[in-house]
Amino acid sequence: MRFASALAAIVLATAPAQAGDPPPPPDPHVALTDQLAAELQTLETTIATVDDKLADADAQRLRRLRAAYRILRAPLSPDASPAERMASARRRAAARLLV
C-alpha cells in the first residue's frame, strides 16, 4: 500500500509540472522574416501610391501648360472692345505666370 501511495504521490506531483511547461520560445529568425516581409509589402504599397500621385500631378501640370499656351497663342480680334482687350491682357498675364 505504501508503494501504491508513493507512486500515486509521484504521479500527482509530476503531472502538473509537465502540463504547465511553457511552450518553446518562437524562432526569432521566423519572426524577423515575417516582420521584414510585412515592412517590404508596406514599402511597395507606399511607393506605388506616391508614384500614382506624382503621375496625376504631372498630368495636371501638363493640362495647365497646354491651356496656358492656348491662351498665349489665341488671336485677339481686331475689332475687340477695350474691355475685351483688357480681359485678354489679364488672361495672357496669368498664362505667362504659369509658363
Protein backbone atom coordinates (compact mmCIF):
# COMPACT_ATOMS: atom_id res chain seq x y z
CA MET A 1 0.00 0.00 0.00
CA ARG A 2 2.85 2.33 0.77
CA PHE A 3 4.29 1.70 -2.67
CA ALA A 4 0.99 2.50 -4.37
CA SER A 5 0.60 5.66 -2.30
CA ALA A 6 4.14 6.75 -3.07
CA LEU A 7 3.65 6.03 -6.75
CA ALA A 8 0.38 8.00 -6.79
CA ALA A 9 2.06 10.91 -4.99
CA ILE A 10 4.91 10.95 -7.53
CA VAL A 11 2.49 10.83 -10.46
CA LEU A 12 0.41 13.65 -8.99
CA ALA A 13 3.47 15.71 -8.20
CA THR A 14 4.94 15.42 -11.67
CA ALA A 15 1.72 15.74 -13.68
CA PRO A 16 1.14 19.49 -13.08
CA ALA A 17 4.78 20.22 -13.77
CA GLN A 18 4.57 18.50 -17.15
CA ALA A 19 1.28 20.15 -18.11
CA GLY A 20 2.48 23.60 -17.02
CA ASP A 21 5.70 23.60 -19.03
CA PRO A 22 5.84 26.77 -21.10
CA PRO A 23 5.88 26.31 -24.85
CA PRO A 24 9.24 26.72 -26.51
CA PRO A 25 10.03 30.31 -27.50
CA PRO A 26 9.30 31.21 -31.12
CA ASP A 27 12.18 31.13 -33.52
CA PRO A 28 13.49 34.72 -33.82
CA HIS A 29 14.50 34.16 -37.45
CA VAL A 30 10.94 33.31 -38.45
CA ALA A 31 9.54 36.30 -36.57
CA LEU A 32 12.10 38.62 -38.16
CA THR A 33 11.43 37.21 -41.62
CA ASP A 34 7.69 37.79 -41.20
CA GLN A 35 8.25 41.34 -39.94
CA LEU A 36 10.58 42.21 -42.83
CA ALA A 37 8.15 40.76 -45.37
CA ALA A 38 5.35 42.90 -43.95
CA GLU A 39 7.56 46.01 -44.00
CA LEU A 40 8.59 45.36 -47.61
CA GLN A 41 4.93 44.97 -48.60
CA THR A 42 4.12 48.28 -46.90
CA LEU A 43 7.01 50.00 -48.68
CA GLU A 44 5.93 48.65 -52.06
CA THR A 45 2.37 49.84 -51.49
CA THR A 46 3.57 53.26 -50.35
CA ILE A 47 5.91 53.69 -53.31
CA ALA A 48 3.14 52.69 -55.73
CA THR A 49 0.78 55.23 -54.14
CA VAL A 50 3.37 58.01 -54.34
CA ASP A 51 4.15 57.14 -57.98
CA ASP A 52 0.44 57.31 -58.83
CA LYS A 53 0.08 60.69 -57.15
CA LEU A 54 3.15 62.05 -58.92
CA ALA A 55 1.84 60.83 -62.27
CA ASP A 56 -1.50 62.52 -61.58
CA ALA A 57 0.28 65.77 -60.64
CA ASP A 58 2.37 65.65 -63.83
CA ALA A 59 -0.73 65.09 -65.94
CA GLN A 60 -2.47 68.04 -64.27
CA ARG A 61 0.61 70.22 -64.80
CA LEU A 62 0.67 69.25 -68.48
CA ARG A 63 -3.01 70.16 -68.89
CA ARG A 64 -2.39 73.55 -67.29
CA LEU A 65 0.59 74.26 -69.55
CA ARG A 66 -1.40 73.33 -72.64
CA ALA A 67 -4.19 75.65 -71.56
CA ALA A 68 -1.71 78.45 -70.90
CA TYR A 69 -0.16 78.06 -74.36
CA ARG A 70 -3.61 78.06 -75.96
CA ILE A 71 -4.33 81.36 -74.19
CA LEU A 72 -0.99 82.84 -75.26
CA ARG A 73 -1.49 81.77 -78.87
CA ALA A 74 -5.13 82.85 -79.10
CA PRO A 75 -5.52 85.74 -81.53
CA LEU A 76 -7.28 88.88 -80.47
CA SER A 77 -9.85 90.07 -82.97
CA PRO A 78 -9.06 93.45 -84.49
CA ASP A 79 -12.49 94.81 -83.62
CA ALA A 80 -12.27 93.84 -79.90
CA SER A 81 -13.64 96.34 -77.43
CA PRO A 82 -11.41 97.91 -74.78
CA ALA A 83 -12.97 95.61 -72.13
CA GLU A 84 -12.22 92.54 -74.25
CA ARG A 85 -8.66 93.76 -74.78
CA MET A 86 -8.19 94.22 -71.03
CA ALA A 87 -9.62 90.74 -70.31
CA SER A 88 -7.30 89.25 -72.93
CA ALA A 89 -4.33 91.07 -71.39
CA ARG A 90 -5.24 89.70 -67.95
CA ARG A 91 -5.59 86.16 -69.29
CA ARG A 92 -2.24 86.43 -71.05
CA ALA A 93 -0.54 87.78 -67.92
CA ALA A 94 -1.93 84.90 -65.86
CA ALA A 95 -0.86 82.40 -68.54
CA ARG A 96 2.67 83.83 -68.51
CA LEU A 97 2.83 83.23 -64.76
CA LEU A 98 2.03 79.56 -65.34
CA VAL A 99 4.69 79.20 -68.01
